[in-house]
Each structure stands twice: as C-alpha cells, then as structure tokens.
Amino acid sequence: MNERSGTEDLRRRNLSAVLTAAHRHGPLTRAALVQRCNLTRSTIGALVGELAALGLVYETDVAAARVGRPSPMVHASERVVALAVNPDVDAVTVGVVGLGGIVHRRIRYNTSSIPSLEEAVNITRAVVEGLSVELAGSEHVLGLGLAIPGLVNAEVGQVLLAPHLGWKDVDVVGPFRQALGMPVVAANDATLGTLAESIFGAAAGYSDALYLNGSASGIGGGAIVGGQPLGGASGYAGEFGHMVTRPGGEQCHCGRRGCLETEVNLDRLLKVVNLNHAQAEQLEDALLATQTFPVLREIRRQTDLLAIALGNLVNVFNPQIIVLGGFLGVLLAADRERLSAAVAAGPISGLGTKVRLERAALGAELLLVGAAEAVFAGLLTEPRSVAPGQESGARPS
C-alpha cells in the first residue's frame, strides 16, 4: 500500500468513526467527538466539514462555555433516510427512518388475511408512493430494509422459511427492489430488533444481552455476547420460540409439542380479552383493565412458561440484561413481580438474581429502526458512498 492510499484509507475509517458516533450516540459536541474518536480537534473539524458537505451531518450552536470557545453540536442528519418494512400475518408496516434512529413515519396497513409476497410488495409500493412528497424533502433515500419473521439468508436476500407467512425458499429482495427501484436488504425481524435495542434501546451499553420479541408470527430473539451479535454458523441463531417449555403440550408448526411460541402466544391473550389482531395495540390496556379470573389465569400461565424459557437462557448465556419486546413486553408489564421472581429463582448458582428484565424501549418502532439500521450499515462503513446533493436510492415513479 502506498502512502497516499494509506492516508485515504485512514481518512475513510475516521469519517466512518465520526458518522457512526453521531448516528448512534449523538448529538455530540466536537469536543465529545475528539474524546470518543481519539482524534485531534482540527481533524474532527475537517471530518465534520466533509460529512456536512455530503449532507450526512449538520451543526448547531451550543451555549458558550465558561472557559474557552463553545464547541458546536454535531447531529447526524435525520433527512438521510431509509425505508423499513415489516410484513406480518395481519399487517404490513412501513416506516421512514432517519439517521439517529428517528422514525419519521410509521404506517400499519392491516390485512384481512396473511399477505403473500406479491401482496406485501404491492402494499409497500402503494404506501411509499403516498409518501413521495415527504421523501422528496429528504437529503438521501438510501434504500429499503425488510424485517422478516422467519429464517432469512441475509447475504442473498432469500427467505428459507417464514412459516406463519407461508413463504418458503423465495427471493424477497428482488421483487421489492424491482417494485421500488432502490437497494433492498432483508434479515430476520428479531435479529434486527436485537440490533436496534442494543444501539438505541434498553440494551444500549450492555456487552451481554438477550432480546426476545413476541408478535403475531411467534417468538424470536437474538443475543449480544461480549459486545458482538451472535449469528450462528448459518446466521439463524435466536430461534428461542422453539424451546420446549411444556413437554407434551400444544402442537407446534415445527412438528414438536410445547414450544415456547405455541404456549406463550398472542392469540391466547387477545382471545381472553375479546380482541382481534387489528386491535393488538390495545392489548396492554385491556389486560390491565380486565382483572377477571380467566384473564389473570392466562397471564400467570404464560408468565410462568416464559420464566422457564428465560431461566434456561440465563443458564446458557449468563446475560446482564434480558429485553422483552412485543406482547412479551406486555406480559412483563402485566405481572413484573411474578416474572422477575421466577427468573431470579430458576437458573443455577443464583445467576438469575443478577439479570435485569426490561421492556424494549423502542416499542412499536423497534423493527423499523432495526431494518433501517441494516440499510445504514453500508453508509456508516463508507460515508463517501453518497455524493453531495445526490440520492443513493431511487424513488418509485
């Protein structure tokens, strides 16, 4: 490597470090960036200037310090956006997410039946077309991220199996890319949720964390081990929903009986408070307001089975924190004391007493933020992949 290429590579890495810091931890003063990135003030100034010219960051003034010059505040530009899509058995949710994890728009399109891949694409295209004026005001539209409830080969954008959607061995990236005319990436929804919570949510700052999400499509999750996401040999780690928690229990679609996602189930909770899938966002209020014996019995039944699964995971992973999203977060809110006590008592050697249980901080925006993060990954690695004043992703016509 010659001296010039070495210098350029160093600058590229420094640009990446500054943009990533502003995106994940900002807004930050230049002084804070100096400390976080271990660079000189003049170097930070030059890097921020280049990122600003690319439309990726902007600065605002802060109140003058008592001593010395005030340090401008550096913001990742929320006008640099990614589209995010989460197809599920009862809806297709589309979002517009800016750098910094800012969700500008979240549109849930309820479906009367499980959407096919073609229907999910058509719904997404229609929603995005309806957002065309809003997207026209963006600095850069980088692409679209898909959060799929199933096994996804992220490298090639193929769904091996999304059992609740009925999608099997299909290319999901190609149809969305063709319909929208922009780069598309896809990954498992719970994996993306883990990523989002570890960066912007309840697991931020923890080196060892577990995330479990419960949705209409079942239960999945992910693990952060030693600060790194656990992918598995084929990228499919985190199928926590298929731990057996009640041997001989309900039949699961996987062929076994008593799997966590069959026994701890959104449908059962909705049914006991007389709600349907379109009313799922009302579940928490309904559970807390309807303190009848059948409701309390179902909450306790599901809480106890969830505690068995969490105890097993504590024994395996020894996490600092477990984050629960979707309807699992509702269960935590409905009877935190019972779930916490069971998790504390279950694992070996008192490991459960040292684990924090927290609800996912990003709520309904979680999977959209995670899907957008998959899109932002390339930009954060190579900020110069966008040209000043130009978009890196085309908009649908």
Protein backbone atom coordinates (compact mmCIF):
# COMPACT_ATOMS: atom_id res chain seq x y z
CA MET A 1 0.00 0.00 0.00
CA ASN A 2 1.47 3.37 -0.99
CA GLU A 3 1.42 6.40 1.30
CA ARG A 4 -1.48 8.10 -0.49
CA SER A 5 -3.76 5.07 -0.41
CA GLY A 6 -2.85 4.53 3.24
CA THR A 7 -3.80 8.11 4.06
CA GLU A 8 -7.09 7.79 2.17
CA ASP A 9 -7.93 4.57 3.97
CA LEU A 10 -7.24 6.22 7.32
CA ARG A 11 -9.45 9.17 6.42
CA ARG A 12 -12.23 6.82 5.32
CA ARG A 13 -12.06 4.99 8.64
CA ASN A 14 -12.08 8.28 10.54
CA LEU A 15 -15.11 9.51 8.58
CA SER A 16 -16.84 6.26 9.44
CA ALA A 17 -15.99 6.64 13.13
CA VAL A 18 -17.33 10.19 13.33
CA LEU A 19 -20.54 9.47 11.42
CA THR A 20 -21.18 6.29 13.42
CA ALA A 21 -20.68 8.15 16.69
CA ALA A 22 -23.07 10.93 15.66
CA HIS A 23 -25.62 8.39 14.47
CA ARG A 24 -25.52 6.09 17.48
CA HIS A 25 -24.64 8.45 20.33
CA GLY A 26 -25.41 11.95 19.12
CA PRO A 27 -25.92 14.77 19.04
CA LEU A 28 -22.35 15.27 20.24
CA THR A 29 -20.14 18.31 20.59
CA ARG A 30 -16.93 18.40 18.62
CA ALA A 31 -15.15 18.13 21.96
CA ALA A 32 -17.04 14.91 22.73
CA LEU A 33 -16.14 13.55 19.30
CA VAL A 34 -12.47 14.31 19.98
CA GLN A 35 -12.63 12.09 23.07
CA ARG A 36 -14.84 9.36 21.61
CA CYS A 37 -12.88 9.01 18.36
CA ASN A 38 -9.44 9.73 19.87
CA LEU A 39 -8.65 12.34 17.23
CA THR A 40 -7.41 15.92 17.37
CA ARG A 41 -9.81 18.84 17.35
CA SER A 42 -8.56 20.02 13.96
CA THR A 43 -9.01 16.54 12.47
CA ILE A 44 -12.56 16.34 13.83
CA GLY A 45 -13.29 19.75 12.34
CA ALA A 46 -12.11 18.66 8.90
CA LEU A 47 -14.02 15.37 9.06
CA VAL A 48 -17.23 17.07 10.19
CA GLY A 49 -16.83 19.55 7.33
CA GLU A 50 -16.58 16.74 4.78
CA LEU A 51 -19.55 14.88 6.25
CA ALA A 52 -21.58 18.09 6.21
CA ALA A 53 -20.72 18.62 2.53
CA LEU A 54 -22.04 15.10 1.87
CA GLY A 55 -25.30 16.02 3.61
CA LEU A 56 -24.76 13.47 6.37
CA VAL A 57 -24.34 15.73 9.39
CA TYR A 58 -25.09 19.30 10.40
CA GLU A 59 -24.03 21.51 13.27
CA THR A 60 -25.85 23.75 15.72
CA ASP A 61 -24.51 26.25 18.20
CA VAL A 62 -24.47 25.48 21.92
CA ALA A 63 -24.33 27.82 24.85
CA ALA A 64 -20.87 29.29 25.39
CA ALA A 65 -18.73 27.52 27.93
CA ARG A 66 -17.37 29.41 30.92
CA VAL A 67 -13.83 28.98 29.68
CA GLY A 68 -12.67 28.72 26.06
CA ARG A 69 -14.57 28.57 22.79
CA PRO A 70 -18.00 26.92 22.57
CA SER A 71 -17.95 23.57 20.82
CA PRO A 72 -20.61 23.18 18.08
CA MET A 73 -23.08 20.32 18.39
CA VAL A 74 -22.81 17.72 15.61
CA HIS A 75 -26.03 15.97 14.54
CA ALA A 76 -26.44 13.02 12.19
CA SER A 77 -28.85 14.29 9.56
CA GLU A 78 -32.33 12.93 10.13
CA ARG A 79 -33.02 13.87 6.48
CA VAL A 80 -30.84 10.93 5.43
CA VAL A 81 -33.44 8.18 5.49
CA ALA A 82 -34.11 4.51 4.93
CA LEU A 83 -37.42 2.84 4.27
CA ALA A 84 -38.29 -0.07 6.55
CA VAL A 85 -40.90 -2.78 6.07
CA ASN A 86 -42.18 -5.49 8.42
CA PRO A 87 -44.67 -7.94 6.87
CA ASP A 88 -46.61 -9.97 9.41
CA VAL A 89 -49.60 -12.29 9.40
CA ASP A 90 -52.10 -9.49 9.97
CA ALA A 91 -50.45 -6.37 8.57
CA VAL A 92 -47.64 -4.82 6.57
CA THR A 93 -45.95 -1.98 8.44
CA VAL A 94 -43.93 0.60 6.51
CA GLY A 95 -41.71 3.25 8.05
CA VAL A 96 -39.41 6.11 7.15
CA VAL A 97 -36.40 6.22 9.48
CA GLY A 98 -33.69 8.86 9.59
CA LEU A 99 -30.12 8.68 10.82
CA GLY A 100 -30.04 8.70 14.58
CA GLY A 101 -32.84 6.13 14.68
CA ILE A 102 -35.50 8.81 14.18
CA VAL A 103 -38.78 7.31 12.94
CA HIS A 104 -40.45 9.98 10.83
CA ARG A 105 -43.44 7.92 9.77
CA ARG A 106 -44.94 4.57 10.72
CA ILE A 107 -47.87 3.25 8.71
CA ARG A 108 -49.52 -0.03 9.61
CA TYR A 109 -51.64 -1.45 6.79
CA ASN A 110 -53.92 -4.10 8.25
CA THR A 111 -54.66 -7.09 6.03
CA SER A 112 -57.72 -9.32 6.08
CA SER A 113 -55.57 -12.42 5.55
CA ILE A 114 -51.92 -13.43 5.63
CA PRO A 115 -50.21 -11.38 2.90
CA SER A 116 -48.43 -13.16 0.09
CA LEU A 117 -45.06 -11.83 -1.04
CA GLU A 118 -46.74 -10.17 -4.02
CA GLU A 119 -49.32 -8.52 -1.77
CA ALA A 120 -46.64 -7.29 0.63
CA VAL A 121 -44.74 -5.76 -2.28
CA ASN A 122 -47.86 -4.08 -3.68
CA ILE A 123 -48.88 -2.70 -0.29
CA THR A 124 -45.38 -1.34 0.28
CA ARG A 125 -45.27 0.27 -3.16
CA ALA A 126 -48.65 1.95 -2.61
CA VAL A 127 -47.63 3.28 0.81
CA VAL A 128 -44.30 4.57 -0.48
CA GLU A 129 -46.00 6.27 -3.41
CA GLY A 130 -48.24 8.01 -0.88
CA LEU A 131 -45.10 9.25 0.89
CA SER A 132 -43.50 10.61 -2.29
CA VAL A 133 -43.86 14.28 -1.29
CA GLU A 134 -42.37 13.60 2.13
CA LEU A 135 -39.49 11.60 0.65
CA ALA A 136 -38.78 14.37 -1.84
CA GLY A 137 -37.66 16.52 1.07
CA SER A 138 -35.03 14.01 2.15
CA GLU A 139 -31.33 14.58 1.59
CA HIS A 140 -30.68 10.94 0.71
CA VAL A 141 -33.02 7.94 0.43
CA LEU A 142 -30.59 5.07 0.92
CA GLY A 143 -32.78 2.02 0.34
CA LEU A 144 -35.23 -0.33 1.99
CA GLY A 145 -34.79 -2.81 4.84
CA LEU A 146 -37.06 -5.82 5.34
CA ALA A 147 -37.67 -7.31 8.79
CA ILE A 148 -38.99 -10.81 8.06
CA PRO A 149 -40.49 -13.14 10.71
CA GLY A 150 -38.62 -16.25 9.63
CA LEU A 151 -35.30 -17.75 8.61
CA VAL A 152 -33.55 -15.34 6.26
CA ASN A 153 -30.28 -15.70 4.40
CA ALA A 154 -29.32 -12.05 4.65
CA GLU A 155 -26.37 -12.40 2.27
CA VAL A 156 -28.56 -13.31 -0.70
CA GLY A 157 -31.88 -11.87 0.48
CA GLN A 158 -33.70 -15.18 0.50
CA VAL A 159 -36.34 -16.42 2.92
CA LEU A 160 -35.72 -20.08 3.65
CA LEU A 161 -38.84 -20.37 5.76
CA ALA A 162 -41.30 -17.87 7.23
CA PRO A 163 -43.84 -20.43 8.46
CA HIS A 164 -46.51 -18.07 9.66
CA LEU A 165 -46.43 -16.13 6.39
CA GLY A 166 -46.25 -19.29 4.29
CA TRP A 167 -43.14 -18.00 2.47
CA LYS A 168 -40.57 -20.69 1.68
CA ASP A 169 -37.40 -20.65 -0.44
CA VAL A 170 -38.24 -17.30 -2.04
CA ASP A 171 -36.17 -14.32 -3.09
CA VAL A 172 -37.66 -11.36 -1.21
CA VAL A 173 -35.09 -8.73 -2.13
CA GLY A 174 -35.61 -8.97 -5.90
CA PRO A 175 -39.37 -8.21 -6.02
CA PHE A 176 -39.09 -5.25 -3.63
CA ARG A 177 -36.07 -3.87 -5.49
CA GLN A 178 -37.85 -4.14 -8.83
CA ALA A 179 -41.02 -2.51 -7.48
CA LEU A 180 -39.31 0.37 -5.70
CA GLY A 181 -36.18 0.91 -7.77
CA MET A 182 -33.81 1.11 -4.83
CA PRO A 183 -31.34 -1.09 -2.91
CA VAL A 184 -33.03 -3.63 -0.62
CA VAL A 185 -31.70 -5.73 2.26
CA ALA A 186 -33.52 -8.36 4.32
CA ALA A 187 -32.94 -10.07 7.68
CA ASN A 188 -34.79 -11.85 10.45
CA ASP A 189 -37.05 -9.49 12.38
CA ALA A 190 -35.88 -10.50 15.86
CA THR A 191 -32.23 -10.22 14.82
CA LEU A 192 -32.90 -6.67 13.66
CA GLY A 193 -34.82 -5.95 16.85
CA THR A 194 -31.82 -7.10 18.87
CA LEU A 195 -29.61 -4.76 16.88
CA ALA A 196 -31.94 -1.80 17.40
CA GLU A 197 -32.32 -2.32 21.14
CA SER A 198 -28.57 -2.78 21.59
CA ILE A 199 -27.86 0.54 19.87
CA PHE A 200 -30.77 2.81 20.73
CA GLY A 201 -32.83 0.97 23.31
CA ALA A 202 -32.84 -0.76 26.67
CA ALA A 203 -29.76 -2.90 25.93
CA ALA A 204 -27.54 0.03 24.91
CA GLY A 205 -24.26 -0.08 26.80
CA TYR A 206 -24.52 -3.77 27.75
CA SER A 207 -21.95 -6.22 26.42
CA ASP A 208 -24.05 -9.31 27.17
CA ALA A 209 -27.75 -9.04 26.45
CA LEU A 210 -30.66 -11.13 25.24
CA TYR A 211 -33.68 -9.88 23.33
CA LEU A 212 -36.93 -11.79 22.86
CA ASN A 213 -39.76 -10.46 20.73
CA GLY A 214 -43.33 -11.74 20.66
CA SER A 215 -45.58 -10.99 17.70
CA ALA A 216 -48.45 -12.47 15.75
CA SER A 217 -45.83 -14.61 13.97
CA GLY A 218 -44.44 -16.17 17.13
CA ILE A 219 -41.36 -15.60 19.26
CA GLY A 220 -37.80 -14.96 18.13
CA GLY A 221 -34.81 -13.20 19.52
CA GLY A 222 -31.13 -12.55 19.49
CA ALA A 223 -28.08 -12.40 21.71
CA ILE A 224 -25.27 -9.91 22.18
CA VAL A 225 -22.27 -11.81 23.54
CA GLY A 226 -19.15 -9.94 24.55
CA GLY A 227 -20.41 -6.90 22.65
CA GLN A 228 -20.95 -8.83 19.41
CA PRO A 229 -24.21 -10.10 17.93
CA LEU A 230 -24.44 -13.89 17.90
CA GLY A 231 -25.28 -15.06 14.39
CA GLY A 232 -24.70 -18.80 14.39
CA ALA A 233 -22.96 -20.93 11.77
CA SER A 234 -25.64 -20.25 9.14
CA GLY A 235 -26.90 -16.97 10.54
CA TYR A 236 -30.02 -18.40 12.16
CA ALA A 237 -29.23 -18.13 15.87
CA GLY A 238 -32.01 -16.85 18.08
CA GLU A 239 -34.91 -19.21 17.35
CA PHE A 240 -35.86 -19.01 21.04
CA GLY A 241 -39.51 -19.63 20.23
CA HIS A 242 -38.80 -23.31 19.65
CA MET A 243 -37.51 -24.13 23.11
CA VAL A 244 -39.83 -26.72 24.63
CA THR A 245 -41.34 -25.28 27.80
CA ARG A 246 -44.21 -27.76 28.31
CA PRO A 247 -43.39 -31.28 27.10
CA GLY A 248 -46.43 -32.88 25.51
CA GLY A 249 -48.15 -29.51 25.17
CA GLU A 250 -49.77 -27.86 22.17
CA GLN A 251 -48.68 -28.96 18.70
CA CYS A 252 -46.23 -26.53 17.10
CA HIS A 253 -45.89 -25.96 13.36
CA CYS A 254 -42.30 -27.19 13.67
CA GLY A 255 -43.59 -30.68 14.49
CA ARG A 256 -42.83 -30.73 18.20
CA ARG A 257 -45.15 -30.11 21.13
CA GLY A 258 -44.99 -27.48 23.84
CA CYS A 259 -42.70 -24.96 22.12
CA LEU A 260 -42.47 -21.56 23.78
CA GLU A 261 -44.18 -19.70 20.95
CA THR A 262 -47.07 -22.19 20.94
CA GLU A 263 -47.66 -21.95 24.69
CA VAL A 264 -46.84 -18.26 25.14
CA ASN A 265 -49.00 -16.87 22.43
CA LEU A 266 -50.50 -13.55 21.33
CA ASP A 267 -53.71 -15.17 20.08
CA ARG A 268 -54.43 -16.62 23.53
CA LEU A 269 -54.02 -13.20 25.18
CA LEU A 270 -56.19 -11.45 22.60
CA LYS A 271 -58.89 -14.07 22.95
CA VAL A 272 -59.15 -13.81 26.72
CA VAL A 273 -59.89 -10.05 26.48
CA ASN A 274 -62.08 -10.35 23.35
CA LEU A 275 -59.75 -8.51 20.98
CA ASN A 276 -58.67 -9.38 17.43
CA HIS A 277 -55.36 -8.85 15.66
CA ALA A 278 -56.37 -5.44 14.34
CA GLN A 279 -56.79 -4.37 17.98
CA ALA A 280 -53.49 -5.81 19.21
CA GLU A 281 -52.12 -2.41 20.20
CA GLN A 282 -54.95 -2.20 22.78
CA LEU A 283 -53.87 -5.45 24.46
CA GLU A 284 -51.94 -3.96 27.37
CA ASP A 285 -54.72 -1.61 28.41
CA ALA A 286 -57.26 -4.43 28.09
CA LEU A 287 -55.23 -6.84 30.23
CA LEU A 288 -54.67 -4.28 32.97
CA ALA A 289 -58.29 -3.15 32.95
CA THR A 290 -59.87 -6.63 32.87
CA GLN A 291 -58.80 -8.26 36.13
CA THR A 292 -61.14 -11.25 35.87
CA PHE A 293 -60.10 -14.75 36.89
CA PRO A 294 -59.73 -16.05 33.27
CA VAL A 295 -57.53 -13.08 32.37
CA LEU A 296 -55.33 -13.38 35.45
CA ARG A 297 -55.06 -17.14 34.98
CA GLU A 298 -53.86 -16.76 31.39
CA ILE A 299 -51.37 -14.03 32.32
CA ARG A 300 -49.94 -16.24 35.07
CA ARG A 301 -49.86 -19.34 32.86
CA GLN A 302 -47.94 -17.56 30.11
CA THR A 303 -45.70 -15.72 32.58
CA ASP A 304 -44.66 -18.97 34.27
CA LEU A 305 -43.87 -20.68 30.95
CA LEU A 306 -41.93 -17.63 29.75
CA ALA A 307 -39.95 -17.72 33.01
CA ILE A 308 -38.93 -21.33 32.30
CA ALA A 309 -37.55 -20.29 28.92
CA LEU A 310 -35.77 -17.25 30.31
CA GLY A 311 -34.22 -19.34 33.09
CA ASN A 312 -32.82 -21.73 30.51
CA LEU A 313 -31.40 -18.82 28.51
CA VAL A 314 -29.78 -17.35 31.62
CA ASN A 315 -28.06 -20.68 32.25
CA VAL A 316 -26.75 -20.77 28.68
CA PHE A 317 -25.81 -17.13 28.05
CA ASN A 318 -25.34 -15.55 31.51
CA PRO A 319 -26.60 -12.16 30.28
CA GLN A 320 -26.57 -8.86 32.13
CA ILE A 321 -29.99 -7.90 30.80
CA ILE A 322 -32.95 -9.51 29.05
CA VAL A 323 -35.11 -7.21 26.92
CA LEU A 324 -38.66 -8.24 26.09
CA GLY A 325 -40.46 -6.78 23.08
CA GLY A 326 -43.90 -7.04 21.52
CA PHE A 327 -46.52 -8.87 23.58
CA LEU A 328 -43.74 -10.30 25.80
CA GLY A 329 -43.20 -6.75 27.00
CA VAL A 330 -46.92 -6.59 27.75
CA LEU A 331 -46.61 -9.74 29.88
CA LEU A 332 -43.74 -8.14 31.78
CA ALA A 333 -45.85 -5.04 32.42
CA ALA A 334 -48.86 -7.13 33.45
CA ASP A 335 -47.00 -9.04 36.19
CA ARG A 336 -43.40 -7.89 36.52
CA GLU A 337 -43.09 -9.13 40.10
CA ARG A 338 -44.08 -12.70 39.22
CA LEU A 339 -41.84 -12.93 36.17
CA SER A 340 -38.86 -11.32 37.90
CA ALA A 341 -39.15 -13.60 40.92
CA ALA A 342 -39.38 -16.72 38.77
CA VAL A 343 -36.36 -15.74 36.66
CA ALA A 344 -34.36 -14.89 39.77
CA ALA A 345 -35.14 -18.26 41.37
CA GLY A 346 -34.80 -20.56 38.34
CA PRO A 347 -31.22 -20.51 37.00
CA ILE A 348 -28.32 -22.27 38.67
CA SER A 349 -25.98 -20.66 41.23
CA GLY A 350 -28.16 -17.59 41.63
CA LEU A 351 -27.37 -16.32 38.13
CA GLY A 352 -30.96 -15.14 37.72
CA THR A 353 -30.66 -12.71 40.62
CA LYS A 354 -28.10 -10.70 38.66
CA VAL A 355 -30.16 -10.30 35.47
CA ARG A 356 -32.17 -7.19 34.68
CA LEU A 357 -35.53 -7.64 32.95
CA GLU A 358 -36.53 -4.68 30.86
CA ARG A 359 -39.16 -3.91 28.31
CA ALA A 360 -38.00 -2.96 24.81
CA ALA A 361 -37.59 0.81 24.83
CA LEU A 362 -38.38 1.34 21.14
CA GLY A 363 -41.89 -0.10 21.32
CA ALA A 364 -43.79 -0.36 18.06
CA GLU A 365 -40.92 1.35 16.22
CA LEU A 366 -38.41 -1.34 17.15
CA LEU A 367 -38.38 -3.44 13.97
CA LEU A 368 -38.46 -0.38 11.73
CA VAL A 369 -35.38 1.03 13.45
CA GLY A 370 -33.65 -2.35 13.15
CA ALA A 371 -34.50 -2.72 9.46
CA ALA A 372 -33.24 0.80 8.78
CA GLU A 373 -30.02 0.03 10.63
CA ALA A 374 -29.36 -2.78 8.14
CA VAL A 375 -29.67 -0.20 5.36
CA PHE A 376 -27.48 2.36 7.14
CA ALA A 377 -24.67 -0.18 7.68
CA GLY A 378 -23.07 0.41 4.29
CA LEU A 379 -23.17 4.19 4.66
CA LEU A 380 -21.68 4.08 8.15
CA THR A 381 -18.79 1.98 6.83
CA GLU A 382 -18.26 4.13 3.74
CA PRO A 383 -19.75 7.63 4.11
CA ARG A 384 -18.42 8.63 0.71
CA SER A 385 -20.78 6.13 -0.91
CA VAL A 386 -23.16 9.06 -1.32
CA ALA A 387 -22.26 12.06 -3.47
CA PRO A 388 -23.04 15.62 -2.37
CA GLY A 389 -26.57 16.61 -3.36
CA GLN A 390 -27.42 13.21 -4.83
CA GLU A 391 -29.56 10.36 -3.55
CA SER A 392 -28.13 6.88 -3.30
CA GLY A 393 -31.55 5.25 -3.72
CA ALA A 394 -34.04 6.00 -6.46
CA ARG A 395 -37.65 6.79 -5.63
CA PRO A 396 -40.55 4.97 -7.18
CA SER A 397 -42.08 6.75 -10.12
